[in-house]
Each structure stands twice: as C-alpha cells, then as structure tokens.
Amino acid sequence: MTDGWPVALAFAFLTVLGFCRAGATYLIGRGVRHWGSRRRASSEQSRTPSPTLQYAERLVRRLGPVAVPLSFLTVGLQTAIHLTAGALRMPGRYYVPALAVGALIWATLYTTVGLAVLHTVWGRVDRWVLVSAVAAVVVVVVVNLVLRRRRDRLAGRAD
C-alpha cells in the first residue's frame, strides 16, 4: 500500500496539524477566559470564581489529561473539549503532553485509514467517478444552503 505514498511525511504533517489546531483552540479558550475576567474586574465584580467554576476547574485538572487525547477519537466534541480546557485553565504542564499524545493518535488514525481510502479510491475508481461524487456533494451543500436561507427568510416574514 505504501509504494509511492509519502507515509512518513503525511504522518508528520498530520501530527503537526493536529497539535497546532487543538493547541490554538486551547489558547482561544484561555484568551476568552482572560478577557471575561478582565471585563468582570473592570465592572468591579468579584475576581474570585464562583464555587461552580472552581469545581469545574478542579474537574478539568483531574479528567483533562484523559479527555484531551481521547477527544481526538471523536467527531464534533474535539473542539469543545479543547476550548473548555483552555477556558477552565487546564494547566499547560498537563495539557501539552495530553495534546501531544492526542495529536499522535489522530495522525496515526488519519494516516493509516486516510491513505488506505485514498489508495482504494485512486487506484480502483475512475477519476470521472470521483469528480462526479465531489460535484454531487457540492450540489447538495449549495441546495441545502439555498433552502435554509429561503426558510429563514420566510420565518422572518411570518414573525
């Protein structure tokens, strides 16, 4: 399967991509939390987090090192988990190693399965079939967007 495919390069690229994307999401969460704290401080509210927030921060410190790498196996929850880890101030000394493990898991999964799918599609399916499939997906997305806008416009007039 690997003849002609740059497996090591794909693995390295996907590892860096996973690390940077999830790390950036974590940093956005940290920034949002910092901005919110400064905003509350400027309005002279208490700087001490509520008991619920303190509990959530303790929970993230305890479960975060497990949740972060496992998030790379999910679809749809990954961004939420990394954003929450940042917003709830999961310490970097726990987050970065968990992020590295998760990025390696993600890269392994996408390199093996992803390249196998590409090899199967590229090697056995005519290119016109692949182009037709992509065109069909584009048509479905465009029709969906048009119908949603029309529905939203009609819903706006009904109000």
Protein backbone atom coordinates (compact mmCIF):
# COMPACT_ATOMS: atom_id res chain seq x y z
CA MET A 1 0.00 0.00 0.00
CA THR A 2 2.79 2.41 0.81
CA ASP A 3 4.61 2.25 -2.52
CA GLY A 4 4.58 5.76 -3.91
CA TRP A 5 2.77 7.28 -0.92
CA PRO A 6 4.71 9.59 1.43
CA VAL A 7 3.55 7.92 4.63
CA ALA A 8 6.20 9.42 6.94
CA LEU A 9 5.60 12.90 5.52
CA ALA A 10 1.82 12.53 5.84
CA PHE A 11 2.19 11.32 9.45
CA ALA A 12 4.49 14.20 10.39
CA PHE A 13 2.23 16.76 8.69
CA LEU A 14 -0.92 15.43 10.37
CA THR A 15 0.77 15.33 13.78
CA VAL A 16 1.82 18.97 13.50
CA LEU A 17 -1.59 19.92 12.12
CA GLY A 18 -3.44 18.22 14.98
CA PHE A 19 -1.13 19.74 17.56
CA CYS A 20 -1.43 23.28 16.17
CA ARG A 21 -5.17 23.20 15.58
CA ALA A 22 -6.08 21.83 19.00
CA GLY A 23 -3.44 23.97 20.71
CA ALA A 24 -4.82 27.09 19.05
CA THR A 25 -8.32 26.16 20.22
CA TYR A 26 -7.00 25.78 23.77
CA LEU A 27 -5.31 29.20 23.56
CA ILE A 28 -8.54 30.77 22.29
CA GLY A 29 -10.30 29.34 25.34
CA ARG A 30 -7.61 30.79 27.59
CA GLY A 31 -7.99 34.16 25.89
CA VAL A 32 -11.76 34.15 26.25
CA ARG A 33 -11.43 33.37 29.94
CA HIS A 34 -8.81 36.10 30.41
CA TRP A 35 -10.93 38.65 28.54
CA GLY A 36 -14.00 37.71 30.59
CA SER A 37 -12.05 38.02 33.85
CA ARG A 38 -10.72 41.46 32.91
CA ARG A 39 -14.17 42.59 31.86
CA ARG A 40 -15.67 41.48 35.19
CA ALA A 41 -12.83 43.18 37.06
CA SER A 42 -13.45 46.45 35.24
CA SER A 43 -17.09 46.34 36.25
CA GLU A 44 -15.92 45.90 39.86
CA GLN A 45 -17.35 42.42 40.29
CA SER A 46 -15.57 39.87 42.41
CA ARG A 47 -12.42 38.43 40.89
CA THR A 48 -12.85 35.13 42.71
CA PRO A 49 -14.53 32.50 40.57
CA SER A 50 -17.84 31.10 41.71
CA PRO A 51 -17.85 27.77 43.57
CA THR A 52 -19.31 26.09 40.47
CA LEU A 53 -16.47 27.43 38.31
CA GLN A 54 -13.90 26.37 40.89
CA TYR A 55 -15.40 22.86 40.87
CA ALA A 56 -15.30 22.77 37.05
CA GLU A 57 -11.64 23.84 37.06
CA ARG A 58 -10.76 21.06 39.52
CA LEU A 59 -12.65 18.55 37.39
CA VAL A 60 -10.78 19.61 34.25
CA ARG A 61 -7.45 19.34 36.06
CA ARG A 62 -8.33 15.80 37.14
CA LEU A 63 -10.03 14.47 33.97
CA GLY A 64 -8.45 16.69 31.33
CA PRO A 65 -5.30 14.63 30.82
CA VAL A 66 -7.56 11.71 29.84
CA ALA A 67 -10.23 13.69 27.97
CA VAL A 68 -7.82 15.64 25.76
CA PRO A 69 -6.17 12.66 23.99
CA LEU A 70 -9.49 10.78 23.76
CA SER A 71 -11.09 13.84 22.15
CA PHE A 72 -9.04 13.13 19.03
CA LEU A 73 -11.13 9.99 18.53
CA THR A 74 -14.38 11.97 18.46
CA VAL A 75 -16.11 13.97 15.79
CA GLY A 76 -17.80 17.12 16.99
CA LEU A 77 -16.56 17.11 20.59
CA GLN A 78 -12.88 17.71 19.97
CA THR A 79 -13.10 21.48 19.59
CA ALA A 80 -15.43 21.81 22.59
CA ILE A 81 -13.09 19.81 24.81
CA HIS A 82 -10.01 21.86 23.88
CA LEU A 83 -11.87 25.16 24.18
CA THR A 84 -13.18 24.13 27.59
CA ALA A 85 -9.73 23.01 28.72
CA GLY A 86 -8.43 26.47 27.87
CA ALA A 87 -11.35 28.40 29.32
CA LEU A 88 -11.19 26.42 32.56
CA ARG A 89 -7.43 26.96 32.74
CA MET A 90 -6.20 23.41 32.48
CA PRO A 91 -2.50 23.78 33.37
CA GLY A 92 -0.15 23.66 30.41
CA ARG A 93 2.03 21.07 32.12
CA TYR A 94 -0.92 18.64 31.85
CA TYR A 95 -2.40 19.90 28.60
CA VAL A 96 0.68 19.85 26.35
CA PRO A 97 1.64 16.18 26.97
CA ALA A 98 -2.02 15.14 26.58
CA LEU A 99 -2.20 17.20 23.39
CA ALA A 100 0.94 15.53 22.02
CA VAL A 101 -0.48 12.05 22.69
CA GLY A 102 -3.79 13.03 21.10
CA ALA A 103 -2.12 14.52 18.02
CA LEU A 104 -0.12 11.30 17.57
CA ILE A 105 -3.29 9.22 17.89
CA TRP A 106 -5.10 11.45 15.38
CA ALA A 107 -2.21 11.39 12.91
CA THR A 108 -1.93 7.60 13.17
CA LEU A 109 -5.63 7.17 12.53
CA TYR A 110 -5.78 9.54 9.59
CA THR A 111 -2.51 8.35 8.07
CA THR A 112 -3.45 4.67 8.11
CA VAL A 113 -7.16 4.89 7.33
CA GLY A 114 -6.91 8.05 5.23
CA LEU A 115 -4.14 6.75 2.99
CA ALA A 116 -5.89 3.39 2.68
CA VAL A 117 -9.06 5.13 1.49
CA LEU A 118 -7.10 7.32 -0.93
CA HIS A 119 -5.27 4.30 -2.27
CA THR A 120 -8.54 2.45 -2.75
CA VAL A 121 -10.29 5.38 -4.40
CA TRP A 122 -7.34 6.49 -6.52
CA GLY A 123 -6.31 3.01 -7.52
CA ARG A 124 -9.64 1.42 -8.37
CA VAL A 125 -12.10 4.15 -9.29
CA ASP A 126 -12.02 6.15 -12.48
CA ARG A 127 -11.31 9.81 -11.90
CA TRP A 128 -14.62 10.85 -13.50
CA VAL A 129 -16.48 8.90 -10.80
CA LEU A 130 -14.52 10.74 -8.10
CA VAL A 131 -15.14 14.12 -9.78
CA SER A 132 -18.85 13.28 -10.11
CA ALA A 133 -19.06 12.37 -6.43
CA VAL A 134 -17.41 15.64 -5.40
CA ALA A 135 -19.73 17.59 -7.72
CA ALA A 136 -22.75 15.83 -6.21
CA VAL A 137 -21.64 16.79 -2.71
CA VAL A 138 -21.17 20.41 -3.79
CA VAL A 139 -24.67 20.45 -5.33
CA VAL A 140 -26.21 19.03 -2.15
CA VAL A 141 -24.44 21.63 0.02
CA VAL A 142 -25.48 24.53 -2.23
CA VAL A 143 -29.12 23.37 -2.41
CA ASN A 144 -29.15 22.95 1.38
CA LEU A 145 -27.83 26.49 1.89
CA VAL A 146 -30.38 27.97 -0.53
CA LEU A 147 -33.26 26.13 1.13
CA ARG A 148 -32.14 27.20 4.60
CA ARG A 149 -31.90 30.84 3.59
CA ARG A 150 -35.34 30.68 2.00
CA ARG A 151 -36.78 29.05 5.12
CA ASP A 152 -35.14 31.65 7.37
CA ARG A 153 -36.41 34.47 5.17
CA LEU A 154 -39.95 33.07 5.25
CA ALA A 155 -39.76 32.55 9.01
CA GLY A 156 -38.64 36.18 9.40
CA ARG A 157 -41.66 37.44 7.44
CA ALA A 158 -44.06 35.29 9.46
CA ASP A 159 -42.99 36.94 12.74
